[in-house]
Amino acid sequence: MAYTREQIETAVKAKGYAWFEGAKDFDVNIVGVRNSATGDKVTNVFDDTMTVSYKEGSEWKFASWPCTTDPGTKGVKEYHNVAGVARLVEGQYRGSHTLGLHQGKYEALKQAKPVKVYRDANRDMTYDESKIAEGVFGINIHKAGADSTYVENWSEGCQVFKKSADFEAFMAICRKAAAIHGKSFTYTLIESADIK
């Protein structure tokens, strides 16, 4: 979906979450938008949106890219945590991520503070939202392949970019932000139904 920066800002503020518009450049607002239209069904496709909003000079900048905020078919059926596959609970997680290596392989935004996840262990291809766990589970923001079609197990709770080139553009912004503000990032997850 295509959103404007103003729509994202309005939705985030309406939830009572922090919106960063600091005096310094690259005070980034990283906001994922989960596609509400799919309900609790596992779609296995990149039908969500990752956005970043920030000021450079006095001018607002905005970018958005296709991603998934949900685990895919393989993740749901073959999860690696005995409690079940993770799916991030909507919310704002202050200082939850930092620059670090995803699975020791490449630089990404790595979970550094606790987040809340739904745990689903029944493999029935619908997301279960009855059990919530809180902790550091490796819920990273990373990339899939060059241009992936299916989520499969690219996500078992992670927020994952569809295209590696989009992820690199996102990380270039994050590195500039880190150089000014430090390596700690807030991640906010909202629903597309929150956007008016």
Protein backbone atom coordinates (compact mmCIF):
# COMPACT_ATOMS: atom_id res chain seq x y z
CA MET A 1 0.00 0.00 0.00
CA ALA A 2 1.06 3.57 -0.63
CA TYR A 3 0.91 5.86 2.38
CA THR A 4 1.98 9.45 2.93
CA ARG A 5 4.23 10.59 5.74
CA GLU A 6 1.37 12.68 7.07
CA GLN A 7 -0.89 9.60 7.28
CA ILE A 8 1.77 7.68 9.20
CA GLU A 9 2.45 10.59 11.56
CA THR A 10 -1.26 11.11 12.25
CA ALA A 11 -1.83 7.40 12.95
CA VAL A 12 1.19 7.14 15.27
CA LYS A 13 0.21 10.26 17.23
CA ALA A 14 -3.43 9.09 17.44
CA LYS A 15 -2.17 5.99 19.28
CA GLY A 16 -0.42 8.22 21.81
CA TYR A 17 3.02 7.08 20.65
CA ALA A 18 6.12 9.26 20.40
CA TRP A 19 6.80 10.93 17.05
CA PHE A 20 10.37 12.15 16.61
CA GLU A 21 10.92 15.52 15.00
CA GLY A 22 14.11 16.49 16.79
CA ALA A 23 16.27 19.53 16.16
CA LYS A 24 18.99 17.28 14.71
CA ASP A 25 18.80 15.58 11.31
CA PHE A 26 17.91 11.89 10.91
CA ASP A 27 15.81 11.53 14.08
CA VAL A 28 14.08 8.59 12.42
CA ASN A 29 10.54 7.30 12.86
CA ILE A 30 10.60 3.64 11.79
CA VAL A 31 7.00 2.49 11.42
CA GLY A 32 5.79 -0.84 10.10
CA VAL A 33 2.22 -1.09 8.81
CA ARG A 34 0.56 -4.51 9.02
CA ASN A 35 -2.08 -5.19 6.37
CA SER A 36 -5.33 -5.41 8.37
CA ALA A 37 -7.31 -6.65 5.35
CA THR A 38 -5.86 -10.18 5.62
CA GLY A 39 -7.10 -10.68 9.18
CA ASP A 40 -5.52 -13.68 10.90
CA LYS A 41 -4.80 -15.66 7.72
CA VAL A 42 -1.23 -16.60 6.79
CA THR A 43 -0.75 -15.03 3.33
CA ASN A 44 2.94 -15.97 2.91
CA VAL A 45 3.49 -12.80 0.85
CA PHE A 46 5.11 -9.41 1.49
CA ASP A 47 1.84 -7.49 1.88
CA ASP A 48 2.89 -5.11 4.66
CA THR A 49 4.80 -1.82 4.50
CA MET A 50 7.94 -0.51 6.21
CA THR A 51 8.21 3.27 6.44
CA VAL A 52 10.79 5.75 7.65
CA SER A 53 10.18 9.47 8.27
CA TYR A 54 12.83 11.96 9.34
CA LYS A 55 13.97 15.53 8.94
CA GLU A 56 17.04 16.51 6.93
CA GLY A 57 17.70 20.20 7.31
CA SER A 58 14.20 21.52 8.01
CA GLU A 59 12.67 19.29 5.35
CA TRP A 60 10.75 16.09 6.05
CA LYS A 61 11.88 12.98 4.14
CA PHE A 62 9.79 9.85 3.77
CA ALA A 63 10.29 6.42 2.23
CA SER A 64 8.27 3.21 2.22
CA TRP A 65 8.96 -0.30 1.02
CA PRO A 66 7.15 -3.68 0.82
CA CYS A 67 7.88 -5.98 3.74
CA THR A 68 6.29 -8.56 5.98
CA THR A 69 5.51 -8.10 9.66
CA ASP A 70 4.20 -11.68 9.84
CA PRO A 71 5.77 -15.14 9.72
CA GLY A 72 5.30 -17.10 6.50
CA THR A 73 4.08 -20.63 5.81
CA LYS A 74 7.33 -22.43 6.67
CA GLY A 75 7.74 -20.27 9.79
CA VAL A 76 4.24 -21.17 10.96
CA LYS A 77 4.64 -24.88 10.24
CA GLU A 78 8.32 -25.43 11.15
CA TYR A 79 9.02 -22.87 13.88
CA HIS A 80 12.14 -23.19 16.03
CA ASN A 81 10.77 -22.03 19.40
CA VAL A 82 8.92 -24.69 21.42
CA ALA A 83 6.35 -22.08 22.49
CA GLY A 84 5.34 -21.52 18.86
CA VAL A 85 6.04 -19.12 16.05
CA ALA A 86 6.34 -15.43 16.99
CA ARG A 87 4.29 -12.58 15.53
CA LEU A 88 5.08 -9.11 16.80
CA VAL A 89 2.28 -7.43 18.79
CA GLU A 90 1.32 -3.99 17.49
CA GLY A 91 2.82 -1.20 19.56
CA GLN A 92 5.73 1.15 20.01
CA TYR A 93 8.96 -0.32 21.31
CA ARG A 94 11.23 2.46 22.54
CA GLY A 95 14.92 1.82 21.95
CA SER A 96 14.13 -1.79 21.03
CA HIS A 97 16.64 -2.17 18.20
CA THR A 98 20.29 -1.46 17.54
CA LEU A 99 22.74 -1.80 14.69
CA GLY A 100 24.05 -5.36 14.79
CA LEU A 101 24.48 -8.53 12.80
CA HIS A 102 21.46 -10.58 11.73
CA GLN A 103 22.33 -14.23 12.46
CA GLY A 104 25.98 -13.12 12.51
CA LYS A 105 25.86 -12.54 8.74
CA TYR A 106 25.18 -8.90 7.83
CA GLU A 107 24.33 -5.58 9.46
CA ALA A 108 20.64 -5.09 10.26
CA LEU A 109 18.54 -3.69 13.08
CA LYS A 110 18.85 -6.26 15.83
CA GLN A 111 16.48 -6.59 18.76
CA ALA A 112 18.15 -5.22 21.90
CA LYS A 113 15.26 -4.74 24.38
CA PRO A 114 12.13 -6.77 25.13
CA VAL A 115 9.17 -6.73 22.75
CA LYS A 116 5.79 -8.48 22.93
CA VAL A 117 4.97 -11.31 20.55
CA TYR A 118 2.00 -13.56 20.03
CA ARG A 119 3.00 -17.24 20.26
CA ASP A 120 1.20 -19.68 17.97
CA ALA A 121 1.97 -23.39 18.22
CA ASN A 122 -0.92 -25.11 16.43
CA ARG A 123 0.27 -24.81 12.79
CA ASP A 124 -3.30 -24.25 11.53
CA MET A 125 -2.36 -21.45 9.09
CA THR A 126 -4.19 -18.76 11.03
CA TYR A 127 -2.41 -16.45 13.45
CA ASP A 128 -3.39 -17.07 17.06
CA GLU A 129 -3.44 -13.98 19.29
CA SER A 130 -4.35 -15.60 22.61
CA LYS A 131 -0.83 -16.09 24.05
CA ILE A 132 1.57 -13.17 24.48
CA ALA A 133 5.20 -13.50 25.52
CA GLU A 134 7.62 -10.66 26.26
CA GLY A 135 11.36 -10.84 25.89
CA VAL A 136 14.36 -10.65 23.58
CA PHE A 137 13.68 -13.25 20.90
CA GLY A 138 15.78 -12.05 17.96
CA ILE A 139 12.91 -10.07 16.42
CA ASN A 140 15.19 -8.30 13.95
CA ILE A 141 14.50 -5.96 11.03
CA HIS A 142 16.31 -7.55 8.08
CA LYS A 143 16.01 -8.53 4.41
CA ALA A 144 14.80 -11.52 2.44
CA GLY A 145 16.40 -12.21 -0.96
CA ALA A 146 17.08 -9.95 -3.94
CA ASP A 147 13.33 -9.73 -4.62
CA SER A 148 11.52 -12.49 -2.75
CA THR A 149 8.04 -13.65 -3.72
CA TYR A 150 7.13 -15.72 -0.66
CA VAL A 151 7.84 -15.14 3.02
CA GLU A 152 8.19 -18.85 4.02
CA ASN A 153 10.65 -18.76 6.95
CA TRP A 154 12.34 -15.45 6.15
CA SER A 155 10.22 -14.37 9.12
CA GLU A 156 9.50 -16.23 12.33
CA GLY A 157 8.60 -12.93 13.98
CA CYS A 158 11.10 -10.64 12.26
CA GLN A 159 10.14 -7.61 10.20
CA VAL A 160 11.53 -8.46 6.76
CA PHE A 161 12.06 -6.40 3.61
CA LYS A 162 10.94 -8.03 0.33
CA LYS A 163 13.87 -6.61 -1.65
CA SER A 164 17.49 -6.49 -0.54
CA ALA A 165 18.06 -3.17 -2.41
CA ASP A 166 15.22 -1.56 -0.42
CA PHE A 167 16.75 -2.86 2.79
CA GLU A 168 20.14 -1.37 1.85
CA ALA A 169 18.48 2.02 1.25
CA PHE A 170 16.82 1.74 4.68
CA MET A 171 20.09 0.78 6.36
CA ALA A 172 21.92 3.73 4.77
CA ILE A 173 19.41 6.02 6.52
CA CYS A 174 19.80 4.11 9.80
CA ARG A 175 23.60 4.38 9.68
CA LYS A 176 23.36 8.16 9.20
CA ALA A 177 20.91 8.30 12.13
CA ALA A 178 23.25 6.21 14.30
CA ALA A 179 26.18 8.52 13.57
CA ILE A 180 24.16 11.45 14.97
CA HIS A 181 21.92 9.90 17.64
CA GLY A 182 23.63 6.63 18.61
CA LYS A 183 22.78 3.06 17.67
CA SER A 184 19.45 2.77 19.51
CA PHE A 185 16.25 2.76 17.41
CA THR A 186 12.56 2.78 18.31
CA TYR A 187 10.30 0.56 16.23
CA THR A 188 6.56 1.14 15.94
CA LEU A 189 4.11 -1.36 14.45
CA ILE A 190 0.61 -0.21 13.53
CA GLU A 191 -2.26 -1.69 11.53
CA SER A 192 -3.35 -0.39 8.12
CA ALA A 193 -6.81 0.01 9.71
CA ASP A 194 -5.24 2.68 11.95
CA ILE A 195 -4.57 4.87 8.90
CA LYS A 196 -7.37 7.18 7.86
